Amino acid sequence: MDSLGFNLQQSPIRLKSRILRPRISNISNQTNETDPRPPSSAGKIRRLVLNNEGRTKLNADPDREFYSYPRFVNHVDDGFISSLTELYRNRLRPGSVVLDLMSSWVSHLPEEVKYEKVVGHGLNAQELARNPRLDYFFVKDLNEDQIFEFEDKYFDAVLCSVGVQYLQHPEQVFAQVYRVLKPGGLLIVSFSNRMFYEKAIRVWRDGSEYSRVQLVVQYFQSIEGFTQPEIIRQQQPPPGSAQTSLFTWLMGFIGFASTPNPFNAVIAYKNFKPLYE
């Protein structure tokens, strides 16, 4: 039994003390008469942001099927990744306990910073096993089950990179994030204009870049107790600008360079924003 309450000897995968079956403790606000899980201390949902139509996907098959095989590719460009890593470097304190939601084989955490523990979540175990920064990981479809099987107030930070567009029940997911965050802990949600179109929810597919930022802001605001969301938006320099390399300029000139991915992030804290020296 490890410090998170997981019996590692029962896990079907033993990779760097990975986890697949965490302990259930004080978690669900969606219990019913047949649900053995105890009552919840999740964040209070003030209102539902999405209607049923807005939650729909073009591909309605289970997400576990769609992600059943690994995709060892980068889903955003180098400029986006660099901006995200710098944001993590500035906002995450060394020694933090971090939950990386909807993660993959690539870590965006700065290599030189040491964290006490990094727990990963995703839909493909092969991808997560390749992620060099994860001490543990678990596989769960958050569109089928929004319960996080961790104790209250466990994490210093929760991250969600280029995955929020696929959440069909973001209000419940954000409520669970609120529960597992320590007071003063932060949630960073980052995204661009890239997506698996058939798996993104309708309101995201039909939206503009601005409306998607505002949508994520509303996700935060739907949960009682988060601080006022902070928005970070960066437009990467286009091919051919003075800030791009000669190689990128040449690729753009002959038509082989794609438009850089815009960088968007929304950040809020549980209860209050800490002040550090």
Protein backbone atom coordinates (compact mmCIF):
# COMPACT_ATOMS: atom_id res chain seq x y z
CA MET A 1 0.00 0.00 0.00
CA ASP A 2 1.59 3.29 -1.07
CA SER A 3 1.14 6.86 0.14
CA LEU A 4 -1.83 7.41 -2.13
CA GLY A 5 -3.60 4.37 -0.74
CA PHE A 6 -3.10 2.08 -3.71
CA ASN A 7 -2.26 -1.61 -3.48
CA LEU A 8 0.53 -1.81 -6.03
CA GLN A 9 0.83 -5.59 -5.79
CA GLN A 10 -2.64 -5.95 -7.25
CA SER A 11 -1.95 -3.70 -10.21
CA PRO A 12 -1.74 -5.50 -13.59
CA ILE A 13 1.06 -3.13 -14.62
CA ARG A 14 4.24 -2.54 -12.63
CA LEU A 15 6.06 0.41 -14.16
CA LYS A 16 7.81 2.87 -11.88
CA SER A 17 5.18 2.28 -9.17
CA ARG A 18 2.32 3.02 -11.54
CA ILE A 19 -1.28 2.86 -10.39
CA LEU A 20 -4.49 1.76 -11.98
CA ARG A 21 -6.76 1.08 -8.98
CA PRO A 22 -6.73 3.94 -6.48
CA ARG A 23 -8.53 3.89 -3.16
CA ILE A 24 -11.98 5.45 -3.05
CA SER A 25 -12.28 7.97 -0.26
CA ASN A 26 -14.96 10.56 0.36
CA ILE A 27 -15.64 11.34 -3.25
CA SER A 28 -18.93 11.15 -5.07
CA ASN A 29 -21.74 13.68 -5.19
CA GLN A 30 -23.49 11.55 -7.78
CA THR A 31 -24.22 8.55 -5.57
CA ASN A 32 -27.45 6.57 -5.75
CA GLU A 33 -28.96 3.66 -3.86
CA THR A 34 -26.78 1.13 -5.67
CA ASP A 35 -23.56 3.16 -5.52
CA PRO A 36 -21.33 1.99 -2.63
CA ARG A 37 -19.20 5.13 -2.68
CA PRO A 38 -19.53 7.51 0.27
CA PRO A 39 -21.00 11.01 -0.04
CA SER A 40 -18.99 13.75 -1.66
CA SER A 41 -17.12 16.86 -0.65
CA ALA A 42 -16.72 17.92 -4.28
CA GLY A 43 -17.03 21.55 -5.25
CA LYS A 44 -20.58 22.89 -5.42
CA ILE A 45 -21.85 23.29 -8.97
CA ARG A 46 -23.60 26.64 -9.20
CA ARG A 47 -25.05 26.02 -12.64
CA LEU A 48 -24.62 23.84 -15.71
CA VAL A 49 -22.76 25.64 -18.48
CA LEU A 50 -23.67 23.26 -21.31
CA ASN A 51 -27.02 22.05 -22.55
CA ASN A 52 -27.48 18.52 -23.83
CA GLU A 53 -27.00 19.53 -27.46
CA GLY A 54 -23.77 21.37 -26.69
CA ARG A 55 -22.29 18.22 -25.15
CA THR A 56 -22.79 16.03 -28.22
CA LYS A 57 -20.01 14.62 -30.40
CA LEU A 58 -19.98 13.63 -34.06
CA ASN A 59 -18.40 10.32 -33.07
CA ALA A 60 -20.55 8.99 -30.25
CA ASP A 61 -18.60 5.74 -29.82
CA PRO A 62 -16.92 5.28 -26.41
CA ASP A 63 -13.76 7.34 -26.10
CA ARG A 64 -11.84 4.32 -24.81
CA GLU A 65 -12.29 2.75 -28.27
CA PHE A 66 -11.08 5.87 -30.08
CA TYR A 67 -7.95 6.06 -27.92
CA SER A 68 -7.36 2.29 -27.76
CA TYR A 69 -4.13 2.53 -29.76
CA PRO A 70 -1.27 4.90 -28.88
CA ARG A 71 -0.55 8.07 -30.83
CA PHE A 72 3.09 8.96 -30.29
CA VAL A 73 2.80 12.39 -31.89
CA ASN A 74 2.75 15.99 -30.69
CA HIS A 75 -0.75 17.42 -30.82
CA VAL A 76 0.48 21.04 -30.78
CA ASP A 77 3.53 22.76 -32.22
CA ASP A 78 6.85 23.64 -30.57
CA GLY A 79 5.81 27.23 -29.92
CA PHE A 80 2.78 26.15 -27.93
CA ILE A 81 4.79 23.57 -25.98
CA SER A 82 7.47 26.15 -25.15
CA SER A 83 4.85 28.63 -23.89
CA LEU A 84 3.19 25.96 -21.77
CA THR A 85 6.45 24.77 -20.23
CA GLU A 86 7.37 28.35 -19.34
CA LEU A 87 3.95 28.86 -17.75
CA TYR A 88 4.43 25.72 -15.64
CA ARG A 89 7.92 26.88 -14.70
CA ASN A 90 6.52 30.18 -13.43
CA ARG A 91 3.38 28.90 -11.69
CA LEU A 92 4.21 25.46 -10.23
CA ARG A 93 6.34 25.47 -7.11
CA PRO A 94 9.14 22.89 -6.80
CA GLY A 95 8.14 20.02 -4.56
CA SER A 96 4.47 20.22 -5.53
CA VAL A 97 2.15 17.23 -5.83
CA VAL A 98 0.73 17.48 -9.37
CA LEU A 99 -2.16 15.81 -11.21
CA ASP A 100 -1.77 15.88 -15.00
CA LEU A 101 -5.23 15.24 -16.48
CA MET A 102 -5.77 13.98 -20.02
CA SER A 103 -2.04 13.47 -20.34
CA SER A 104 -0.07 11.51 -22.93
CA TRP A 105 3.45 10.29 -23.63
CA VAL A 106 4.85 13.84 -23.67
CA SER A 107 5.44 15.87 -20.52
CA HIS A 108 5.26 19.64 -20.71
CA LEU A 109 6.74 20.11 -17.23
CA PRO A 110 10.14 21.83 -17.10
CA GLU A 111 12.86 19.20 -16.91
CA GLU A 112 14.97 20.98 -14.33
CA VAL A 113 12.20 21.35 -11.72
CA LYS A 114 11.69 18.59 -9.16
CA TYR A 115 8.18 17.80 -7.94
CA GLU A 116 7.26 15.60 -5.01
CA LYS A 117 4.90 13.51 -7.12
CA VAL A 118 3.32 13.69 -10.58
CA VAL A 119 0.21 11.59 -11.18
CA GLY A 120 -0.98 11.20 -14.76
CA HIS A 121 -4.38 10.42 -16.21
CA GLY A 122 -5.37 9.48 -19.73
CA LEU A 123 -7.09 6.94 -21.95
CA ASN A 124 -4.13 5.00 -23.27
CA ALA A 125 -1.86 3.13 -20.89
CA GLN A 126 0.93 2.73 -23.46
CA GLU A 127 1.20 6.48 -23.93
CA LEU A 128 1.16 7.18 -20.19
CA ALA A 129 3.81 4.52 -19.55
CA ARG A 130 6.15 6.40 -21.91
CA ASN A 131 5.74 9.72 -20.09
CA PRO A 132 9.05 10.24 -18.24
CA ARG A 133 7.65 12.58 -15.55
CA LEU A 134 4.81 10.43 -14.25
CA ASP A 135 5.35 8.62 -10.96
CA TYR A 136 1.90 7.07 -11.22
CA PHE A 137 -0.86 6.96 -13.79
CA PHE A 138 -4.44 5.78 -14.10
CA VAL A 139 -6.74 5.20 -17.06
CA LYS A 140 -10.29 6.56 -16.90
CA ASP A 141 -12.90 7.88 -19.34
CA LEU A 142 -14.04 11.13 -17.74
CA ASN A 143 -17.06 11.23 -20.02
CA GLU A 144 -18.28 7.99 -18.44
CA ASP A 145 -17.15 8.53 -14.84
CA GLN A 146 -16.18 11.91 -13.44
CA ILE A 147 -15.14 10.65 -10.00
CA PHE A 148 -11.50 11.21 -8.99
CA GLU A 149 -10.53 8.45 -6.61
CA PHE A 150 -8.18 10.54 -4.47
CA GLU A 151 -8.46 11.97 -1.02
CA ASP A 152 -9.64 15.53 -0.48
CA LYS A 153 -7.07 18.34 -0.62
CA TYR A 154 -4.28 16.13 -1.93
CA PHE A 155 -2.82 18.02 -4.93
CA ASP A 156 -1.04 21.36 -5.09
CA ALA A 157 -1.82 21.71 -8.80
CA VAL A 158 -3.98 20.12 -11.47
CA LEU A 159 -3.09 20.51 -15.15
CA CYS A 160 -5.17 19.88 -18.25
CA SER A 161 -3.42 20.46 -21.57
CA VAL A 162 -5.23 20.33 -24.95
CA GLY A 163 -7.96 18.05 -23.62
CA VAL A 164 -10.73 20.25 -22.26
CA GLN A 165 -12.48 20.31 -25.66
CA TYR A 166 -13.44 16.64 -25.25
CA LEU A 167 -15.16 16.89 -21.84
CA GLN A 168 -18.90 16.28 -22.06
CA HIS A 169 -19.43 16.93 -18.34
CA PRO A 170 -16.89 19.65 -17.55
CA GLU A 171 -18.88 20.97 -14.60
CA GLN A 172 -18.58 17.65 -12.74
CA VAL A 173 -14.90 17.30 -13.67
CA PHE A 174 -14.06 20.81 -12.43
CA ALA A 175 -16.01 20.08 -9.22
CA GLN A 176 -13.81 17.04 -8.62
CA VAL A 177 -10.68 19.05 -9.36
CA TYR A 178 -11.79 21.55 -6.74
CA ARG A 179 -12.21 18.75 -4.21
CA VAL A 180 -8.75 17.22 -4.66
CA LEU A 181 -6.93 20.57 -4.69
CA LYS A 182 -5.44 21.93 -1.51
CA PRO A 183 -6.62 25.41 -0.49
CA GLY A 184 -4.54 27.77 -2.60
CA GLY A 185 -3.94 25.04 -5.18
CA LEU A 186 -4.30 25.95 -8.84
CA LEU A 187 -5.87 24.51 -11.96
CA ILE A 188 -4.26 25.37 -15.31
CA VAL A 189 -6.28 24.57 -18.44
CA SER A 190 -4.45 25.14 -21.71
CA PHE A 191 -5.65 24.66 -25.29
CA SER A 192 -5.20 25.78 -28.87
CA ASN A 193 -7.19 25.49 -32.08
CA ARG A 194 -6.22 21.85 -32.65
CA MET A 195 -8.61 18.98 -31.95
CA PHE A 196 -9.91 15.62 -33.05
CA TYR A 197 -12.93 17.23 -34.68
CA GLU A 198 -15.21 14.21 -34.40
CA LYS A 199 -14.47 13.87 -30.67
CA ALA A 200 -14.77 17.52 -29.63
CA ILE A 201 -18.10 18.58 -28.14
CA ARG A 202 -20.43 20.56 -30.37
CA VAL A 203 -20.17 23.90 -28.58
CA TRP A 204 -16.39 23.72 -28.99
CA ARG A 205 -16.51 22.70 -32.65
CA ASP A 206 -18.91 25.51 -33.49
CA GLY A 207 -17.12 28.15 -31.45
CA SER A 208 -14.44 30.73 -32.21
CA GLU A 209 -11.12 31.00 -30.43
CA TYR A 210 -12.53 33.81 -28.27
CA SER A 211 -15.72 31.92 -27.42
CA ARG A 212 -13.72 28.84 -26.42
CA VAL A 213 -11.68 30.91 -23.97
CA GLN A 214 -14.87 32.30 -22.50
CA LEU A 215 -16.35 28.81 -22.32
CA VAL A 216 -13.46 27.57 -20.17
CA VAL A 217 -13.82 30.67 -17.98
CA GLN A 218 -17.45 29.68 -17.45
CA TYR A 219 -16.39 26.16 -16.45
CA PHE A 220 -14.36 27.68 -13.61
CA GLN A 221 -17.13 30.08 -12.67
CA SER A 222 -19.68 27.26 -12.49
CA ILE A 223 -17.90 25.90 -9.38
CA GLU A 224 -18.25 27.75 -6.12
CA GLY A 225 -14.90 28.57 -4.56
CA PHE A 226 -12.53 29.11 -7.49
CA THR A 227 -10.90 32.53 -7.72
CA GLN A 228 -11.61 34.82 -10.67
CA PRO A 229 -10.08 33.05 -13.70
CA GLU A 230 -6.97 34.55 -15.24
CA ILE A 231 -6.67 34.41 -19.04
CA ILE A 232 -3.39 34.11 -20.92
CA ARG A 233 -3.47 34.38 -24.72
CA GLN A 234 -0.46 34.37 -27.01
CA GLN A 235 -0.42 34.42 -30.78
CA GLN A 236 2.69 32.72 -32.12
CA PRO A 237 4.59 34.72 -34.79
CA PRO A 238 3.49 33.65 -38.29
CA PRO A 239 5.90 32.13 -40.80
CA GLY A 240 7.91 34.88 -42.47
CA SER A 241 7.90 37.29 -39.53
CA ALA A 242 11.09 38.66 -38.02
CA GLN A 243 10.67 36.31 -35.02
CA THR A 244 10.79 33.11 -37.04
CA SER A 245 13.87 31.23 -38.16
CA LEU A 246 15.19 31.31 -41.74
CA PHE A 247 14.18 27.66 -42.18
CA THR A 248 10.61 28.35 -41.02
CA TRP A 249 10.47 31.39 -43.31
CA LEU A 250 11.59 29.31 -46.31
CA MET A 251 9.06 26.58 -45.52
CA GLY A 252 6.35 29.21 -45.31
CA PHE A 253 7.48 30.81 -48.56
CA ILE A 254 7.14 27.55 -50.48
CA GLY A 255 3.87 26.70 -48.77
CA PHE A 256 4.93 23.89 -46.44
CA ALA A 257 4.67 25.68 -43.09
CA SER A 258 1.38 25.52 -41.25
CA THR A 259 -0.09 28.41 -39.26
CA PRO A 260 1.36 28.44 -35.71
CA ASN A 261 -0.94 27.20 -32.98
CA PRO A 262 -2.29 29.99 -30.75
CA PHE A 263 -1.63 29.49 -27.04
CA ASN A 264 -4.52 29.89 -24.61
CA ALA A 265 -4.57 29.18 -20.89
CA VAL A 266 -7.08 29.82 -18.13
CA ILE A 267 -5.91 29.66 -14.52
CA ALA A 268 -7.71 29.82 -11.18
CA TYR A 269 -7.01 28.89 -7.57
CA LYS A 270 -9.02 27.11 -4.93
CA ASN A 271 -10.32 29.69 -2.41
CA PHE A 272 -7.39 32.12 -2.75
CA LYS A 273 -4.22 32.88 -4.66
CA PRO A 274 -1.19 32.29 -2.40
CA LEU A 275 1.46 34.95 -2.00
CA TYR A 276 5.02 33.63 -2.07
CA GLU A 277 8.24 35.46 -1.44
